[in-house]
């Protein structure tokens, strides 16, 4: 399986390493045409404004919407969650709008307020997941089709809607491969059956 990692800015190399740790091939995506080569896509953490501007400059938004509409899974972490969200701070954003959530940027403070915490994530089973939060956003509102997968301080920090999964934290910065494995299993389902996931539409929370 080949899995794309959007390599415009941010922690894309760390995601690539985690994908390969799970035994799959990571492909760094720098041009929209390269999406044709992969079965799933990771949008990494970084600086959401910069990532958004570069996505527009390189004509990624429509191609990523088409990619998700085909049923292929998309995983956004931290800034990646922000650009996938339908709303930010209560206002509609039209960049991607692939998951029906309202996000708040830098909700846990500046970088000096970064932290590591243990999260109970039922879908992973077993031991708690050690999550790394760096200038992390939070999900303030979920649409009716969104499944919360993890919470921290009473806020949702991991969620899924159909073939879109997001985390407010950075699973690629840990040695724990379970969240990436969960995502790769979604990609495996799509490869076996391209109709495994209902096609997502742009949402507003």
N, C-alpha and C. Protein backbone atom coordinates (compact mmCIF):
# COMPACT_ATOMS: atom_id res chain seq x y z
N UNK A 1 0.84 -1.19 0.00
CA UNK A 1 0.00 0.00 0.00
C UNK A 1 0.88 1.25 0.00
N UNK A 2 0.51 2.25 -0.78
CA UNK A 2 1.20 3.54 -0.78
C UNK A 2 0.30 4.58 -0.12
N UNK A 3 0.87 5.31 0.84
CA UNK A 3 0.12 6.30 1.61
C UNK A 3 0.80 7.65 1.43
N UNK A 4 0.02 8.66 1.03
CA UNK A 4 0.57 9.99 0.81
C UNK A 4 0.66 10.79 2.10
N UNK A 5 1.70 11.61 2.18
CA UNK A 5 1.85 12.57 3.27
C UNK A 5 2.07 13.94 2.62
N UNK A 6 1.15 14.87 2.85
CA UNK A 6 1.28 16.20 2.26
C UNK A 6 2.55 16.85 2.78
N UNK A 7 3.48 17.17 1.87
CA UNK A 7 4.83 17.59 2.28
C UNK A 7 5.08 19.04 1.89
N UNK A 8 4.14 19.92 2.22
CA UNK A 8 4.30 21.34 1.94
C UNK A 8 4.97 22.07 3.11
N UNK A 9 4.66 21.65 4.33
CA UNK A 9 5.20 22.29 5.54
C UNK A 9 4.82 21.42 6.72
N UNK A 10 5.59 21.48 7.79
CA UNK A 10 5.22 20.75 9.00
C UNK A 10 5.91 19.42 9.15
N UNK A 11 5.31 18.57 10.00
CA UNK A 11 5.96 17.32 10.46
C UNK A 11 5.69 16.15 9.51
N UNK A 12 5.90 16.36 8.21
CA UNK A 12 5.57 15.29 7.27
C UNK A 12 6.56 14.14 7.35
N UNK A 13 7.83 14.42 7.63
CA UNK A 13 8.82 13.33 7.68
C UNK A 13 8.51 12.37 8.82
N UNK A 14 8.06 12.91 9.95
CA UNK A 14 7.73 12.05 11.10
C UNK A 14 6.56 11.14 10.78
N UNK A 15 5.56 11.65 10.04
CA UNK A 15 4.45 10.79 9.62
C UNK A 15 4.93 9.70 8.66
N UNK A 16 5.81 10.07 7.75
CA UNK A 16 6.33 9.08 6.81
C UNK A 16 7.03 7.94 7.55
N UNK A 17 7.82 8.29 8.56
CA UNK A 17 8.51 7.27 9.35
C UNK A 17 7.52 6.36 10.07
N UNK A 18 6.45 6.94 10.60
CA UNK A 18 5.46 6.13 11.32
C UNK A 18 4.71 5.20 10.36
N UNK A 19 4.40 5.67 9.17
CA UNK A 19 3.74 4.82 8.18
C UNK A 19 4.65 3.64 7.82
N UNK A 20 5.91 3.92 7.63
CA UNK A 20 6.84 2.85 7.26
C UNK A 20 7.11 1.92 8.44
N UNK A 21 7.01 2.45 9.66
CA UNK A 21 7.12 1.60 10.84
C UNK A 21 5.98 0.58 10.87
N UNK A 22 4.84 0.94 10.29
CA UNK A 22 3.69 0.05 10.20
C UNK A 22 3.74 -0.83 8.96
N UNK A 23 4.86 -0.78 8.23
CA UNK A 23 5.05 -1.70 7.12
C UNK A 23 4.48 -1.26 5.79
N UNK A 24 4.11 0.01 5.66
CA UNK A 24 3.57 0.50 4.39
C UNK A 24 4.50 1.54 3.79
N UNK A 25 4.29 1.86 2.52
CA UNK A 25 5.13 2.80 1.78
C UNK A 25 4.58 4.22 1.92
N UNK A 26 5.42 5.14 2.39
CA UNK A 26 5.03 6.54 2.49
C UNK A 26 5.50 7.29 1.24
N UNK A 27 4.62 8.13 0.70
CA UNK A 27 4.94 8.93 -0.48
C UNK A 27 4.74 10.40 -0.12
N UNK A 28 5.79 11.21 -0.19
CA UNK A 28 5.66 12.63 0.11
C UNK A 28 4.99 13.33 -1.08
N UNK A 29 3.89 14.01 -0.81
CA UNK A 29 3.06 14.63 -1.84
C UNK A 29 3.35 16.12 -1.90
N UNK A 30 3.84 16.58 -3.05
CA UNK A 30 4.13 18.01 -3.24
C UNK A 30 3.34 18.63 -4.39
N UNK A 31 2.74 17.79 -5.22
CA UNK A 31 1.93 18.26 -6.35
C UNK A 31 0.62 17.48 -6.37
N UNK A 32 -0.50 18.12 -6.75
CA UNK A 32 -1.79 17.42 -6.73
C UNK A 32 -1.82 16.14 -7.55
N UNK A 33 -1.12 16.10 -8.68
CA UNK A 33 -1.15 14.91 -9.53
C UNK A 33 -0.61 13.69 -8.80
N UNK A 34 0.23 13.89 -7.79
CA UNK A 34 0.82 12.77 -7.06
C UNK A 34 -0.21 12.05 -6.19
N UNK A 35 -1.37 12.66 -5.96
CA UNK A 35 -2.43 12.00 -5.20
C UNK A 35 -2.94 10.76 -5.91
N UNK A 36 -2.78 10.71 -7.22
CA UNK A 36 -3.25 9.56 -7.98
C UNK A 36 -2.50 8.28 -7.62
N UNK A 37 -1.35 8.41 -6.98
CA UNK A 37 -0.50 7.25 -6.69
C UNK A 37 -0.82 6.59 -5.36
N UNK A 38 -1.68 7.21 -4.52
CA UNK A 38 -1.80 6.74 -3.14
C UNK A 38 -3.24 6.36 -2.78
N UNK A 39 -3.34 5.55 -1.73
CA UNK A 39 -4.64 5.05 -1.27
C UNK A 39 -5.18 5.81 -0.07
N UNK A 40 -4.38 6.69 0.51
CA UNK A 40 -4.79 7.46 1.68
C UNK A 40 -3.86 8.67 1.78
N UNK A 41 -4.28 9.67 2.58
CA UNK A 41 -3.50 10.90 2.66
C UNK A 41 -3.45 11.39 4.10
N UNK A 42 -2.25 11.79 4.54
CA UNK A 42 -2.05 12.44 5.83
C UNK A 42 -1.77 13.92 5.59
N UNK A 43 -2.48 14.78 6.33
CA UNK A 43 -2.18 16.21 6.34
C UNK A 43 -1.57 16.50 7.71
N UNK A 44 -0.28 16.82 7.77
CA UNK A 44 0.42 16.86 9.04
C UNK A 44 0.19 18.15 9.82
N UNK A 45 0.70 18.13 11.05
CA UNK A 45 0.74 19.35 11.83
C UNK A 45 1.80 20.29 11.30
N UNK A 46 1.73 21.54 11.74
CA UNK A 46 2.64 22.58 11.30
C UNK A 46 2.01 23.91 11.61
N UNK A 47 2.01 24.82 10.66
CA UNK A 47 1.38 26.13 10.83
C UNK A 47 0.21 26.19 9.87
N UNK A 48 -0.99 26.22 10.42
CA UNK A 48 -2.18 26.03 9.57
C UNK A 48 -2.35 27.12 8.52
N UNK A 49 -2.00 28.37 8.86
CA UNK A 49 -2.13 29.44 7.87
C UNK A 49 -1.18 29.22 6.71
N UNK A 50 0.06 28.84 7.01
CA UNK A 50 1.04 28.57 5.96
C UNK A 50 0.62 27.38 5.11
N UNK A 51 0.20 26.30 5.75
CA UNK A 51 -0.25 25.12 5.00
C UNK A 51 -1.42 25.49 4.09
N UNK A 52 -2.37 26.25 4.60
CA UNK A 52 -3.54 26.64 3.81
C UNK A 52 -3.13 27.45 2.59
N UNK A 53 -2.23 28.43 2.78
CA UNK A 53 -1.79 29.26 1.65
C UNK A 53 -1.08 28.44 0.60
N UNK A 54 -0.22 27.51 1.04
CA UNK A 54 0.50 26.68 0.08
C UNK A 54 -0.44 25.72 -0.64
N UNK A 55 -1.44 25.20 0.06
CA UNK A 55 -2.42 24.33 -0.59
C UNK A 55 -3.13 25.07 -1.71
N UNK A 56 -3.52 26.31 -1.45
CA UNK A 56 -4.19 27.11 -2.48
C UNK A 56 -3.23 27.41 -3.62
N UNK A 57 -2.00 27.81 -3.29
CA UNK A 57 -1.01 28.15 -4.32
C UNK A 57 -0.76 26.99 -5.27
N UNK A 58 -0.75 25.77 -4.74
CA UNK A 58 -0.46 24.60 -5.56
C UNK A 58 -1.73 23.87 -6.01
N UNK A 59 -2.89 24.50 -5.83
CA UNK A 59 -4.17 23.98 -6.34
C UNK A 59 -4.54 22.62 -5.74
N UNK A 60 -4.31 22.47 -4.44
CA UNK A 60 -4.65 21.22 -3.77
C UNK A 60 -6.12 21.08 -3.33
N UNK A 61 -6.82 22.16 -2.92
CA UNK A 61 -8.12 21.93 -2.27
C UNK A 61 -9.11 21.09 -3.06
N UNK A 62 -9.34 21.41 -4.32
CA UNK A 62 -10.32 20.64 -5.09
C UNK A 62 -9.88 19.20 -5.28
N UNK A 63 -8.58 19.00 -5.48
CA UNK A 63 -8.09 17.64 -5.68
C UNK A 63 -8.22 16.82 -4.40
N UNK A 64 -8.00 17.45 -3.25
CA UNK A 64 -8.16 16.71 -1.99
C UNK A 64 -9.64 16.41 -1.74
N UNK A 65 -10.52 17.32 -2.08
CA UNK A 65 -11.96 17.05 -1.96
C UNK A 65 -12.37 15.87 -2.84
N UNK A 66 -11.86 15.84 -4.06
CA UNK A 66 -12.15 14.72 -4.96
C UNK A 66 -11.57 13.42 -4.40
N UNK A 67 -10.37 13.51 -3.85
CA UNK A 67 -9.70 12.35 -3.25
C UNK A 67 -10.58 11.76 -2.14
N UNK A 68 -11.06 12.63 -1.23
CA UNK A 68 -11.89 12.17 -0.13
C UNK A 68 -13.24 11.66 -0.63
N UNK A 69 -13.79 12.32 -1.65
CA UNK A 69 -15.08 11.88 -2.19
C UNK A 69 -15.01 10.50 -2.82
N UNK A 70 -13.81 10.07 -3.22
CA UNK A 70 -13.64 8.72 -3.77
C UNK A 70 -13.70 7.66 -2.69
N UNK A 71 -13.69 8.09 -1.42
CA UNK A 71 -13.72 7.15 -0.31
C UNK A 71 -12.37 6.89 0.32
N UNK A 72 -11.31 7.42 -0.28
CA UNK A 72 -9.99 7.20 0.29
C UNK A 72 -9.84 7.98 1.60
N UNK A 73 -9.25 7.36 2.62
CA UNK A 73 -9.15 8.00 3.93
C UNK A 73 -8.17 9.19 3.94
N UNK A 74 -8.52 10.17 4.78
CA UNK A 74 -7.68 11.35 4.99
C UNK A 74 -7.53 11.53 6.50
N UNK A 75 -6.30 11.77 6.95
CA UNK A 75 -5.97 11.90 8.37
C UNK A 75 -5.29 13.24 8.58
N UNK A 76 -5.88 14.10 9.42
CA UNK A 76 -5.29 15.39 9.73
C UNK A 76 -4.89 15.49 11.18
N UNK A 77 -3.65 15.91 11.44
CA UNK A 77 -3.17 16.06 12.82
C UNK A 77 -2.87 17.53 13.09
N UNK A 78 -3.38 18.04 14.21
CA UNK A 78 -3.12 19.40 14.68
C UNK A 78 -3.49 20.41 13.58
N UNK A 79 -2.54 21.03 12.91
CA UNK A 79 -2.88 21.95 11.83
C UNK A 79 -3.67 21.26 10.73
N UNK A 80 -3.37 19.98 10.50
CA UNK A 80 -4.14 19.21 9.51
C UNK A 80 -5.60 19.11 9.89
N UNK A 81 -5.89 18.99 11.19
CA UNK A 81 -7.27 18.99 11.65
C UNK A 81 -7.93 20.32 11.37
N UNK A 82 -7.20 21.41 11.57
CA UNK A 82 -7.76 22.74 11.35
C UNK A 82 -8.16 22.92 9.88
N UNK A 83 -7.29 22.54 8.95
CA UNK A 83 -7.61 22.77 7.54
C UNK A 83 -8.70 21.84 7.03
N UNK A 84 -8.91 20.70 7.69
CA UNK A 84 -9.99 19.79 7.30
C UNK A 84 -11.35 20.21 7.84
N UNK A 85 -11.35 21.03 8.88
CA UNK A 85 -12.60 21.37 9.59
C UNK A 85 -13.54 22.22 8.75
N UNK A 86 -14.82 22.04 8.99
CA UNK A 86 -15.83 22.86 8.32
C UNK A 86 -15.92 24.27 8.86
N UNK A 87 -15.60 24.43 10.16
CA UNK A 87 -15.67 25.75 10.79
C UNK A 87 -14.47 25.97 11.68
N UNK A 88 -14.08 27.23 11.81
CA UNK A 88 -13.04 27.63 12.75
C UNK A 88 -13.54 28.83 13.54
N UNK A 89 -13.52 28.70 14.86
CA UNK A 89 -13.99 29.77 15.75
C UNK A 89 -15.40 30.23 15.37
N UNK A 90 -16.25 29.28 15.03
CA UNK A 90 -17.64 29.58 14.74
C UNK A 90 -17.91 30.12 13.35
N UNK A 91 -16.88 30.26 12.54
CA UNK A 91 -17.05 30.81 11.19
C UNK A 91 -16.75 29.73 10.15
N UNK A 92 -17.57 29.72 9.12
CA UNK A 92 -17.40 28.77 8.02
C UNK A 92 -16.06 28.98 7.35
N UNK A 93 -15.33 27.87 7.06
CA UNK A 93 -14.13 27.96 6.22
C UNK A 93 -14.30 27.00 5.06
N UNK A 94 -13.97 27.48 3.88
CA UNK A 94 -14.26 26.74 2.66
C UNK A 94 -13.06 26.03 2.05
N UNK A 95 -11.93 26.02 2.75
CA UNK A 95 -10.74 25.42 2.15
C UNK A 95 -10.97 23.96 1.79
N UNK A 96 -11.35 23.13 2.78
CA UNK A 96 -11.67 21.73 2.54
C UNK A 96 -13.06 21.37 3.06
N UNK A 97 -13.34 21.67 4.34
CA UNK A 97 -14.67 21.40 4.90
C UNK A 97 -15.07 19.95 4.84
N UNK A 98 -14.13 19.03 5.13
CA UNK A 98 -14.41 17.61 4.96
C UNK A 98 -14.88 16.91 6.23
N UNK A 99 -14.83 17.60 7.37
CA UNK A 99 -15.34 17.00 8.60
C UNK A 99 -16.14 18.06 9.35
N UNK A 100 -17.29 17.66 9.85
CA UNK A 100 -18.28 18.57 10.40
C UNK A 100 -17.95 18.92 11.85
N UNK A 101 -16.87 19.71 12.01
CA UNK A 101 -16.45 20.15 13.33
C UNK A 101 -16.15 21.64 13.31
N UNK A 102 -16.20 22.23 14.50
CA UNK A 102 -15.78 23.62 14.70
C UNK A 102 -14.55 23.58 15.60
N UNK A 103 -13.44 24.12 15.12
CA UNK A 103 -12.18 24.06 15.85
C UNK A 103 -11.76 25.43 16.36
N UNK A 104 -10.99 25.40 17.43
CA UNK A 104 -10.37 26.61 17.98
C UNK A 104 -8.87 26.41 17.97
N UNK A 105 -8.14 27.33 17.35
CA UNK A 105 -6.69 27.22 17.26
C UNK A 105 -6.02 27.53 18.60
N UNK A 106 -4.84 26.92 18.80
CA UNK A 106 -3.98 27.22 19.96
C UNK A 106 -4.76 27.23 21.27
N UNK A 107 -5.67 26.30 21.41
CA UNK A 107 -6.59 26.31 22.56
C UNK A 107 -5.88 26.04 23.88
N UNK A 108 -4.74 25.35 23.81
CA UNK A 108 -4.02 25.02 25.04
C UNK A 108 -2.85 25.96 25.31
N UNK A 109 -2.82 27.09 24.60
CA UNK A 109 -1.79 28.09 24.87
C UNK A 109 -0.63 28.03 23.90
N UNK A 110 0.41 28.81 24.23
CA UNK A 110 1.59 28.92 23.38
C UNK A 110 2.44 27.65 23.47
N UNK A 111 3.51 27.62 22.68
CA UNK A 111 4.34 26.41 22.63
C UNK A 111 4.91 26.04 23.99
N UNK A 112 5.15 27.03 24.85
CA UNK A 112 5.68 26.72 26.18
C UNK A 112 4.66 25.95 27.02
N UNK A 113 3.39 25.98 26.60
CA UNK A 113 2.35 25.24 27.32
C UNK A 113 2.13 23.85 26.72
N UNK A 114 3.01 23.44 25.82
CA UNK A 114 2.90 22.10 25.24
C UNK A 114 3.03 21.05 26.33
N UNK A 115 2.42 19.89 26.09
CA UNK A 115 2.38 18.86 27.13
C UNK A 115 2.21 17.48 26.54
N UNK A 116 2.50 16.47 27.35
CA UNK A 116 2.22 15.09 27.01
C UNK A 116 1.24 14.53 28.04
N UNK A 117 0.21 13.84 27.57
CA UNK A 117 -0.79 13.28 28.47
C UNK A 117 -1.18 11.89 27.99
N UNK A 118 -1.67 11.07 28.89
CA UNK A 118 -2.17 9.74 28.55
C UNK A 118 -3.66 9.83 28.23
N UNK A 119 -4.03 9.34 27.07
CA UNK A 119 -5.43 9.35 26.64
C UNK A 119 -5.97 7.94 26.59
N UNK A 120 -7.19 7.77 27.07
CA UNK A 120 -7.90 6.52 26.90
C UNK A 120 -8.63 6.57 25.55
N UNK A 121 -8.24 5.72 24.62
CA UNK A 121 -8.83 5.68 23.29
C UNK A 121 -9.39 4.28 23.07
N UNK A 122 -10.67 4.15 23.28
CA UNK A 122 -11.29 2.82 23.31
C UNK A 122 -11.05 2.05 22.03
N UNK A 123 -11.09 2.72 20.90
CA UNK A 123 -10.97 2.01 19.63
C UNK A 123 -9.58 1.39 19.45
N UNK A 124 -8.57 1.89 20.20
CA UNK A 124 -7.23 1.32 20.12
C UNK A 124 -7.04 0.12 21.03
N UNK A 125 -7.86 0.06 22.10
CA UNK A 125 -7.74 -1.01 23.08
C UNK A 125 -6.44 -0.91 23.86
N UNK A 126 -6.31 -1.76 24.86
CA UNK A 126 -5.05 -1.87 25.58
C UNK A 126 -4.67 -0.64 26.37
N UNK A 127 -3.38 -0.32 26.34
CA UNK A 127 -2.81 0.73 27.16
C UNK A 127 -3.24 2.12 26.68
N UNK A 128 -3.21 3.11 27.58
CA UNK A 128 -3.46 4.50 27.17
C UNK A 128 -2.45 4.94 26.10
N UNK A 129 -2.85 5.91 25.31
CA UNK A 129 -1.99 6.46 24.26
C UNK A 129 -1.35 7.73 24.79
N UNK A 130 -0.01 7.79 24.73
CA UNK A 130 0.72 8.98 25.20
C UNK A 130 0.67 10.04 24.10
N UNK A 131 -0.14 11.08 24.30
CA UNK A 131 -0.38 12.09 23.27
C UNK A 131 0.49 13.32 23.51
N UNK A 132 1.03 13.86 22.42
CA UNK A 132 1.86 15.06 22.46
C UNK A 132 1.06 16.24 21.92
N UNK A 133 0.81 17.23 22.77
CA UNK A 133 0.08 18.44 22.38
C UNK A 133 1.06 19.60 22.23
N UNK A 134 1.11 20.22 21.04
CA UNK A 134 1.98 21.37 20.78
C UNK A 134 1.13 22.48 20.15
N UNK A 135 0.91 23.55 20.90
CA UNK A 135 0.05 24.65 20.42
C UNK A 135 -1.23 24.07 19.81
N UNK A 136 -1.83 23.19 20.54
CA UNK A 136 -2.88 22.33 19.97
C UNK A 136 -4.23 23.02 19.87
N UNK A 137 -4.98 22.71 18.81
CA UNK A 137 -6.37 23.14 18.72
C UNK A 137 -7.27 22.18 19.50
N UNK A 138 -8.51 22.57 19.66
CA UNK A 138 -9.53 21.67 20.20
C UNK A 138 -10.75 21.70 19.30
N UNK A 139 -11.57 20.68 19.44
CA UNK A 139 -12.85 20.64 18.75
C UNK A 139 -13.91 21.18 19.71
N UNK A 140 -14.53 22.28 19.34
CA UNK A 140 -15.54 22.89 20.20
C UNK A 140 -16.95 22.39 19.92
N UNK A 141 -17.16 21.90 18.71
CA UNK A 141 -18.51 21.44 18.34
C UNK A 141 -18.39 20.33 17.32
N UNK A 142 -19.22 19.28 17.50
CA UNK A 142 -19.28 18.16 16.58
C UNK A 142 -20.60 18.16 15.84
N UNK A 143 -20.55 17.90 14.54
CA UNK A 143 -21.77 17.68 13.80
C UNK A 143 -22.34 16.31 14.10
N UNK A 144 -23.58 16.04 13.68
CA UNK A 144 -24.25 14.79 14.05
C UNK A 144 -23.60 13.54 13.48
N UNK A 145 -22.81 13.66 12.41
CA UNK A 145 -22.19 12.48 11.83
C UNK A 145 -20.79 12.20 12.33
N UNK A 146 -20.32 12.98 13.31
CA UNK A 146 -18.93 12.86 13.77
C UNK A 146 -18.88 12.02 15.05
N UNK A 147 -17.96 11.07 15.07
CA UNK A 147 -17.78 10.18 16.22
C UNK A 147 -16.59 10.65 17.05
N UNK A 148 -16.79 11.03 18.32
CA UNK A 148 -15.64 11.38 19.16
C UNK A 148 -14.89 10.12 19.57
N UNK A 149 -13.57 10.15 19.45
CA UNK A 149 -12.76 8.98 19.77
C UNK A 149 -11.88 9.18 21.00
N UNK A 150 -11.60 10.44 21.36
CA UNK A 150 -10.80 10.70 22.56
C UNK A 150 -11.10 12.10 23.07
N UNK A 151 -11.00 12.25 24.40
CA UNK A 151 -11.21 13.55 25.04
C UNK A 151 -10.07 13.85 25.99
N UNK A 152 -9.83 15.17 26.16
CA UNK A 152 -8.86 15.65 27.14
C UNK A 152 -9.42 16.93 27.75
N UNK A 153 -9.48 16.99 29.07
CA UNK A 153 -10.07 18.13 29.78
C UNK A 153 -11.47 18.45 29.25
N UNK A 154 -12.25 17.39 29.06
CA UNK A 154 -13.64 17.49 28.62
C UNK A 154 -13.82 18.03 27.20
N UNK A 155 -12.76 18.07 26.41
CA UNK A 155 -12.86 18.49 25.03
C UNK A 155 -12.46 17.33 24.12
N UNK A 156 -13.13 17.23 22.99
CA UNK A 156 -12.80 16.18 22.02
C UNK A 156 -11.48 16.53 21.34
N UNK A 157 -10.55 15.58 21.31
CA UNK A 157 -9.23 15.81 20.70
C UNK A 157 -8.92 14.77 19.61
N UNK A 158 -9.85 13.85 19.36
CA UNK A 158 -9.72 12.90 18.26
C UNK A 158 -11.13 12.53 17.82
N UNK A 159 -11.36 12.56 16.51
CA UNK A 159 -12.70 12.30 15.99
C UNK A 159 -12.62 11.71 14.59
N UNK A 160 -13.73 11.10 14.21
CA UNK A 160 -13.82 10.50 12.88
C UNK A 160 -15.20 10.75 12.29
N UNK A 161 -15.22 11.05 11.00
CA UNK A 161 -16.46 11.10 10.24
C UNK A 161 -16.23 10.38 8.92
N UNK A 162 -16.90 9.25 8.76
CA UNK A 162 -16.75 8.44 7.56
C UNK A 162 -15.28 8.11 7.33
N UNK A 163 -14.68 8.59 6.24
CA UNK A 163 -13.28 8.27 5.94
C UNK A 163 -12.31 9.38 6.33
N UNK A 164 -12.76 10.30 7.17
CA UNK A 164 -11.90 11.39 7.65
C UNK A 164 -11.65 11.20 9.14
N UNK A 165 -10.37 11.26 9.53
CA UNK A 165 -10.00 11.14 10.94
C UNK A 165 -9.08 12.31 11.30
N UNK A 166 -9.27 12.86 12.50
CA UNK A 166 -8.46 14.01 12.92
C UNK A 166 -8.03 13.84 14.37
N UNK A 167 -6.85 14.40 14.68
CA UNK A 167 -6.39 14.48 16.07
C UNK A 167 -5.86 15.89 16.32
N UNK A 168 -6.10 16.39 17.54
CA UNK A 168 -5.54 17.68 17.94
C UNK A 168 -4.08 17.55 18.35
N UNK A 169 -3.64 16.33 18.58
CA UNK A 169 -2.28 16.07 19.05
C UNK A 169 -1.45 15.44 17.93
N UNK A 170 -0.20 15.10 18.27
CA UNK A 170 0.77 14.63 17.28
C UNK A 170 1.13 13.16 17.52
N UNK A 171 0.39 12.21 16.99
CA UNK A 171 0.75 10.80 17.20
C UNK A 171 2.04 10.40 16.52
N UNK A 172 2.48 11.18 15.54
CA UNK A 172 3.73 10.86 14.84
C UNK A 172 4.97 11.14 15.68
N UNK A 173 4.81 11.88 16.79
CA UNK A 173 5.95 12.23 17.64
C UNK A 173 6.14 11.26 18.80
N UNK A 174 5.41 10.18 18.79
CA UNK A 174 5.55 9.15 19.82
C UNK A 174 6.11 7.89 19.17
N UNK A 175 6.43 6.91 19.97
CA UNK A 175 6.85 5.62 19.42
C UNK A 175 5.68 4.66 19.27
N UNK A 176 4.47 5.15 19.50
CA UNK A 176 3.28 4.29 19.50
C UNK A 176 2.64 4.32 18.12
N UNK A 177 2.61 3.19 17.41
CA UNK A 177 2.11 3.17 16.04
C UNK A 177 0.60 2.95 15.92
N UNK A 178 -0.14 2.88 17.03
CA UNK A 178 -1.51 2.38 16.96
C UNK A 178 -2.47 3.29 16.20
N UNK A 179 -2.36 4.60 16.34
CA UNK A 179 -3.28 5.48 15.62
C UNK A 179 -3.01 5.42 14.13
N UNK A 180 -1.75 5.40 13.74
CA UNK A 180 -1.44 5.25 12.31
C UNK A 180 -1.91 3.89 11.80
N UNK A 181 -1.78 2.85 12.61
CA UNK A 181 -2.26 1.54 12.19
C UNK A 181 -3.78 1.56 11.98
N UNK A 182 -4.49 2.23 12.88
CA UNK A 182 -5.94 2.37 12.73
C UNK A 182 -6.27 3.04 11.40
N UNK A 183 -5.56 4.11 11.08
CA UNK A 183 -5.76 4.82 9.82
C UNK A 183 -5.41 3.93 8.63
N UNK A 184 -4.30 3.22 8.71
CA UNK A 184 -3.91 2.34 7.62
C UNK A 184 -4.89 1.20 7.41
N UNK A 185 -5.51 0.75 8.49
CA UNK A 185 -6.56 -0.26 8.35
C UNK A 185 -7.75 0.29 7.57
N UNK A 186 -8.07 1.58 7.78
CA UNK A 186 -9.12 2.23 6.98
C UNK A 186 -8.73 2.22 5.51
N UNK A 187 -7.46 2.53 5.22
CA UNK A 187 -7.00 2.52 3.83
C UNK A 187 -7.08 1.12 3.24
N UNK A 188 -6.76 0.12 4.06
CA UNK A 188 -6.87 -1.26 3.58
C UNK A 188 -8.30 -1.63 3.25
N UNK A 189 -9.24 -1.14 4.06
CA UNK A 189 -10.66 -1.38 3.76
C UNK A 189 -11.03 -0.77 2.42
N UNK A 190 -10.54 0.44 2.16
CA UNK A 190 -10.86 1.10 0.89
C UNK A 190 -10.27 0.32 -0.28
N UNK A 191 -9.04 -0.16 -0.12
CA UNK A 191 -8.42 -0.91 -1.21
C UNK A 191 -9.21 -2.18 -1.54
N UNK A 192 -9.76 -2.83 -0.52
CA UNK A 192 -10.56 -4.02 -0.75
C UNK A 192 -11.91 -3.70 -1.36
N UNK A 193 -12.47 -2.54 -0.97
CA UNK A 193 -13.80 -2.16 -1.43
C UNK A 193 -13.87 -0.64 -1.51
N UNK A 194 -13.72 -0.05 -2.70
CA UNK A 194 -13.76 1.40 -2.83
C UNK A 194 -15.08 2.04 -2.38
N UNK A 195 -16.10 1.22 -2.17
CA UNK A 195 -17.38 1.74 -1.68
C UNK A 195 -17.55 1.50 -0.18
N UNK A 196 -16.43 1.21 0.51
CA UNK A 196 -16.51 0.90 1.94
C UNK A 196 -16.97 2.09 2.76
N UNK A 197 -16.68 3.29 2.29
CA UNK A 197 -17.04 4.50 3.03
C UNK A 197 -18.00 5.35 2.21
N UNK A 198 -19.01 5.88 2.90
CA UNK A 198 -19.94 6.80 2.24
C UNK A 198 -19.18 8.06 1.88
N UNK A 199 -19.43 8.55 0.67
CA UNK A 199 -18.69 9.72 0.21
C UNK A 199 -19.01 10.94 1.06
N UNK A 200 -17.97 11.60 1.63
CA UNK A 200 -18.22 12.79 2.44
C UNK A 200 -18.50 14.00 1.57
N UNK A 201 -19.27 14.91 2.10
CA UNK A 201 -19.51 16.19 1.45
C UNK A 201 -18.93 17.28 2.36
N UNK A 202 -18.79 18.48 1.82
CA UNK A 202 -18.35 19.61 2.66
C UNK A 202 -19.41 19.87 3.69
N UNK A 203 -19.00 20.13 4.94
CA UNK A 203 -19.90 20.27 6.06
C UNK A 203 -19.72 21.61 6.74
N UNK A 204 -20.69 22.02 7.51
CA UNK A 204 -20.53 23.15 8.41
C UNK A 204 -21.06 22.74 9.76
N UNK A 205 -20.27 23.00 10.80
CA UNK A 205 -20.66 22.59 12.15
C UNK A 205 -21.72 23.53 12.71
